[in-house]
Amino acid sequence: MTANTTTEAVVAKSALFGVAGWAAENALFGHRYSAVFHGHRVPFLPAYAAGGLAVMATAPHIESWPLLGRAVAYGLLGTAVEFIGCQIDRKLMDARSWDYGGSDALAKATGGCVDWKHGALWGLLGVVAEKTILK
């Protein structure tokens, strides 16, 4: 994988992840906006931008893995980023930008910070990104 890693390219790709994540969230799960923007409805989710950075950093190291292995790795990685983002959102920003409630066992165990559907979405986004954005 020969991704462009200039500062400009990394920032642009990260921004693309933030917007694409917002679009996917809004299309699949309803309206979502980040507390980072203090109530302004900005079509960008920082958790997806951070997840995109993690995917960009990880992709070259797992490119030889089978597709399913890469998807699982991206799903786990994105879920971890989302969990950390949730802790920042709730503890540092005193916000609750998202809460998956009791939608599944993972959501219950994490106080609504992550769930299996979003873990699968992270895996899919990682695989799509490595075939398109990261080229």
Protein backbone atom coordinates (compact mmCIF):
# COMPACT_ATOMS: atom_id res chain seq x y z
CA MET A 1 0.00 0.00 0.00
CA THR A 2 1.60 3.23 -1.09
CA ALA A 3 -0.41 5.89 0.65
CA ASN A 4 0.50 9.56 0.45
CA THR A 5 1.63 10.50 3.95
CA THR A 6 2.34 14.19 3.57
CA THR A 7 0.83 16.31 6.31
CA GLU A 8 -1.68 17.77 3.86
CA ALA A 9 -2.75 14.33 2.64
CA VAL A 10 -3.14 12.95 6.16
CA VAL A 11 -5.23 15.96 7.26
CA ALA A 12 -7.39 15.75 4.12
CA LYS A 13 -7.96 12.02 4.52
CA SER A 14 -8.74 12.41 8.20
CA ALA A 15 -11.28 15.11 7.36
CA LEU A 16 -12.76 12.82 4.73
CA PHE A 17 -13.16 10.09 7.36
CA GLY A 18 -14.90 12.57 9.69
CA VAL A 19 -17.39 13.60 7.00
CA ALA A 20 -17.91 10.05 5.68
CA GLY A 21 -18.49 8.79 9.22
CA TRP A 22 -21.03 11.55 9.80
CA ALA A 23 -22.81 10.67 6.54
CA ALA A 24 -22.87 6.94 7.37
CA GLU A 25 -24.13 7.61 10.90
CA ASN A 26 -26.89 9.92 9.68
CA ALA A 27 -27.94 7.57 6.89
CA LEU A 28 -27.96 4.41 9.00
CA PHE A 29 -28.74 5.51 12.54
CA GLY A 30 -30.33 8.97 12.49
CA HIS A 31 -29.05 12.45 13.25
CA ARG A 32 -25.69 12.65 14.98
CA TYR A 33 -23.61 15.72 15.72
CA SER A 34 -20.55 16.23 17.90
CA ALA A 35 -20.48 18.16 21.16
CA VAL A 36 -17.06 19.44 20.08
CA PHE A 37 -18.87 22.07 18.00
CA HIS A 38 -20.96 23.35 20.93
CA GLY A 39 -24.40 22.77 19.46
CA HIS A 40 -23.56 23.74 15.88
CA ARG A 41 -24.65 21.11 13.39
CA VAL A 42 -21.34 20.50 11.63
CA PRO A 43 -21.36 17.48 9.27
CA PHE A 44 -18.22 16.00 10.79
CA LEU A 45 -17.67 13.47 13.58
CA PRO A 46 -14.24 13.65 15.25
CA ALA A 47 -14.40 10.00 16.36
CA TYR A 48 -14.42 8.95 12.70
CA ALA A 49 -11.56 11.32 11.89
CA ALA A 50 -9.51 9.80 14.73
CA GLY A 51 -10.54 6.31 13.63
CA GLY A 52 -9.41 7.18 10.12
CA LEU A 53 -6.00 8.20 11.43
CA ALA A 54 -5.77 4.88 13.25
CA VAL A 55 -6.73 3.01 10.06
CA MET A 56 -4.12 4.96 8.07
CA ALA A 57 -1.44 4.08 10.62
CA THR A 58 -2.45 0.42 10.81
CA ALA A 59 -3.19 -0.45 7.17
CA PRO A 60 0.42 -0.82 5.98
CA HIS A 61 1.15 -3.26 8.81
CA ILE A 62 -1.76 -5.61 8.08
CA GLU A 63 -2.05 -5.37 4.29
CA SER A 64 -0.92 -8.99 3.86
CA TRP A 65 -3.67 -10.32 6.16
CA PRO A 66 -6.76 -11.96 4.71
CA LEU A 67 -9.71 -9.63 4.10
CA LEU A 68 -11.71 -10.92 7.06
CA GLY A 69 -8.73 -10.48 9.39
CA ARG A 70 -8.23 -6.90 8.25
CA ALA A 71 -11.96 -6.14 8.67
CA VAL A 72 -11.91 -7.54 12.22
CA ALA A 73 -8.75 -5.54 13.03
CA TYR A 74 -10.32 -2.33 11.74
CA GLY A 75 -13.52 -3.09 13.63
CA LEU A 76 -11.63 -3.58 16.90
CA LEU A 77 -9.45 -0.55 16.29
CA GLY A 78 -12.39 1.71 15.45
CA THR A 79 -14.37 0.42 18.41
CA ALA A 80 -11.45 1.23 20.72
CA VAL A 81 -11.18 4.74 19.26
CA GLU A 82 -14.93 5.22 19.67
CA PHE A 83 -14.79 4.04 23.30
CA ILE A 84 -11.96 6.45 24.08
CA GLY A 85 -13.84 9.23 22.32
CA CYS A 86 -16.91 8.44 24.40
CA GLN A 87 -14.89 8.77 27.60
CA ILE A 88 -13.55 12.15 26.45
CA ASP A 89 -17.06 13.23 25.46
CA ARG A 90 -18.59 12.28 28.79
CA LYS A 91 -15.81 13.02 31.26
CA LEU A 92 -13.93 15.98 29.79
CA MET A 93 -16.70 17.67 27.83
CA ASP A 94 -19.57 16.75 30.14
CA ALA A 95 -21.60 15.77 27.07
CA ARG A 96 -23.40 12.73 25.80
CA SER A 97 -23.07 13.06 22.03
CA TRP A 98 -24.11 9.45 21.58
CA ASP A 99 -25.50 6.66 23.68
CA TYR A 100 -26.30 3.28 22.19
CA GLY A 101 -28.18 2.46 25.36
CA GLY A 102 -28.97 -1.20 25.79
CA SER A 103 -29.07 -1.98 22.08
CA ASP A 104 -26.89 -5.07 22.65
CA ALA A 105 -24.64 -6.71 25.24
CA LEU A 106 -21.60 -4.64 24.24
CA ALA A 107 -23.56 -1.40 24.58
CA LYS A 108 -24.77 -2.46 28.01
CA ALA A 109 -21.27 -3.39 29.13
CA THR A 110 -19.78 -0.08 27.98
CA GLY A 111 -22.45 2.29 29.25
CA GLY A 112 -23.73 2.86 25.72
CA CYS A 113 -20.35 3.94 24.33
CA VAL A 114 -19.99 1.22 21.68
CA ASP A 115 -22.13 -1.50 20.15
CA TRP A 116 -21.74 -4.39 17.73
CA LYS A 117 -23.41 -2.59 14.79
CA HIS A 118 -20.91 0.24 14.96
CA GLY A 119 -18.03 -2.20 15.38
CA ALA A 120 -19.10 -3.84 12.13
CA LEU A 121 -19.38 -0.41 10.50
CA TRP A 122 -15.81 0.38 11.57
CA GLY A 123 -14.61 -2.86 9.98
CA LEU A 124 -16.41 -2.10 6.73
CA LEU A 125 -15.18 1.50 6.63
CA GLY A 126 -11.59 0.34 7.19
CA VAL A 127 -11.72 -2.14 4.31
CA VAL A 128 -13.38 0.38 1.99
CA ALA A 129 -10.86 3.04 3.00
CA GLU A 130 -7.86 0.86 2.28
CA LYS A 131 -9.20 0.17 -1.23
CA THR A 132 -10.09 3.80 -1.99
CA ILE A 133 -8.91 6.61 0.30
CA LEU A 134 -5.58 5.11 1.32
CA LYS A 135 -4.37 4.31 -2.20
